[in-house]
Amino acid sequence: MWRLLRDRRFARFKFRRQAPFQNYILDFVCFEKRIIIEIDGSQHASSERDAARDAVLMAENFRVSRYWNNDVLQRPSEVLEDILAKLAEP
């Protein structure tokens, strides 16, 4: 995913990887659009910690999008299309 997002390669948006914010490390974040992208494995399914973390980040006006590892590896174009659609939202 980083290979596709880095150096403004993806629609000229600047993403940072493993960016610290408050007490959290964000997988990928575009501060300009306030979008956080999390790539998760099955251990995150129905995670109460993730829900609490997302609530804190949403209170800071971030939108959090989560994608499964398998989707990123097997269907990267679909994941990127979804991210692009979210970046286009106001």
Protein backbone atom coordinates (compact mmCIF):
# COMPACT_ATOMS: atom_id res chain seq x y z
CA MET A 1 0.00 0.00 0.00
CA TRP A 2 2.80 2.40 0.86
CA ARG A 3 4.36 1.89 -2.55
CA LEU A 4 1.11 3.15 -4.09
CA LEU A 5 0.50 6.07 -1.73
CA ARG A 6 3.96 7.52 -1.19
CA ASP A 7 5.51 10.57 -2.86
CA ARG A 8 2.10 11.95 -3.88
CA ARG A 9 1.75 9.07 -6.36
CA PHE A 10 -1.91 8.61 -5.58
CA ALA A 11 -3.91 11.49 -7.07
CA ARG A 12 -1.25 13.92 -5.83
CA PHE A 13 -2.38 13.60 -2.19
CA LYS A 14 0.32 13.52 0.46
CA PHE A 15 0.13 10.53 2.76
CA ARG A 16 2.30 9.77 5.75
CA ARG A 17 2.99 6.26 6.96
CA GLN A 18 3.14 5.20 10.62
CA ALA A 19 2.38 8.76 11.68
CA PRO A 20 2.03 9.47 15.40
CA PHE A 21 -1.11 11.27 16.52
CA GLN A 22 -1.96 11.67 20.20
CA ASN A 23 -1.40 8.20 21.72
CA TYR A 24 -1.82 6.37 18.42
CA ILE A 25 0.23 5.34 15.42
CA LEU A 26 -1.76 5.76 12.21
CA ASP A 27 -1.02 3.29 9.41
CA PHE A 28 -1.51 5.89 6.66
CA VAL A 29 -2.88 9.41 6.97
CA CYS A 30 -3.62 12.31 4.65
CA PHE A 31 -3.74 15.31 6.98
CA GLU A 32 -4.95 17.59 4.19
CA LYS A 33 -8.15 15.53 3.78
CA ARG A 34 -8.23 14.26 7.41
CA ILE A 35 -8.41 10.64 6.21
CA ILE A 36 -6.82 7.73 8.03
CA ILE A 37 -6.34 4.39 6.29
CA GLU A 38 -5.87 1.34 8.47
CA ILE A 39 -4.81 -2.02 7.05
CA ASP A 40 -5.88 -4.74 9.44
CA GLY A 41 -5.69 -8.47 9.95
CA SER A 42 -8.38 -10.68 11.40
CA GLN A 43 -7.33 -9.88 14.98
CA HIS A 44 -9.06 -6.51 14.52
CA ALA A 45 -12.48 -7.98 13.74
CA SER A 46 -14.98 -6.59 16.25
CA SER A 47 -12.22 -4.97 18.29
CA GLU A 48 -13.49 -2.72 21.07
CA ARG A 49 -10.10 -1.01 21.25
CA ASP A 50 -10.35 -0.10 17.56
CA ALA A 51 -13.87 1.27 18.07
CA ALA A 52 -12.69 3.45 20.97
CA ARG A 53 -9.67 4.60 18.96
CA ASP A 54 -11.87 5.46 15.96
CA ALA A 55 -14.19 7.48 18.21
CA VAL A 56 -11.25 9.55 19.48
CA LEU A 57 -9.97 10.13 15.94
CA MET A 58 -13.43 11.03 14.61
CA ALA A 59 -13.78 13.56 17.44
CA GLU A 60 -10.64 15.16 15.92
CA ASN A 61 -12.46 15.36 12.54
CA PHE A 62 -10.71 12.41 10.93
CA ARG A 63 -12.46 9.82 8.79
CA VAL A 64 -11.16 6.32 9.40
CA SER A 65 -11.26 3.70 6.65
CA ARG A 66 -10.30 0.13 7.42
CA TYR A 67 -9.30 -2.48 4.86
CA TRP A 68 -8.41 -6.12 5.40
CA ASN A 69 -4.90 -7.30 4.55
CA ASN A 70 -6.35 -9.80 2.07
CA ASP A 71 -8.25 -7.09 0.19
CA VAL A 72 -5.12 -4.96 -0.15
CA LEU A 73 -3.12 -7.92 -1.44
CA GLN A 74 -5.75 -9.52 -3.68
CA ARG A 75 -7.83 -6.53 -4.84
CA PRO A 76 -5.63 -3.44 -4.58
CA SER A 77 -7.37 -1.60 -7.42
CA GLU A 78 -10.73 -1.88 -5.63
CA VAL A 79 -9.21 -0.60 -2.41
CA LEU A 80 -7.59 2.32 -4.23
CA GLU A 81 -10.87 3.17 -5.99
CA ASP A 82 -12.60 3.27 -2.62
CA ILE A 83 -9.87 5.48 -1.14
CA LEU A 84 -10.05 7.83 -4.13
CA ALA A 85 -13.83 8.13 -3.74
CA LYS A 86 -13.35 9.03 -0.07
CA LEU A 87 -10.71 11.60 -0.92
CA ALA A 88 -13.15 13.24 -3.37
CA GLU A 89 -15.80 13.64 -0.67
CA PRO A 90 -16.03 17.09 0.91
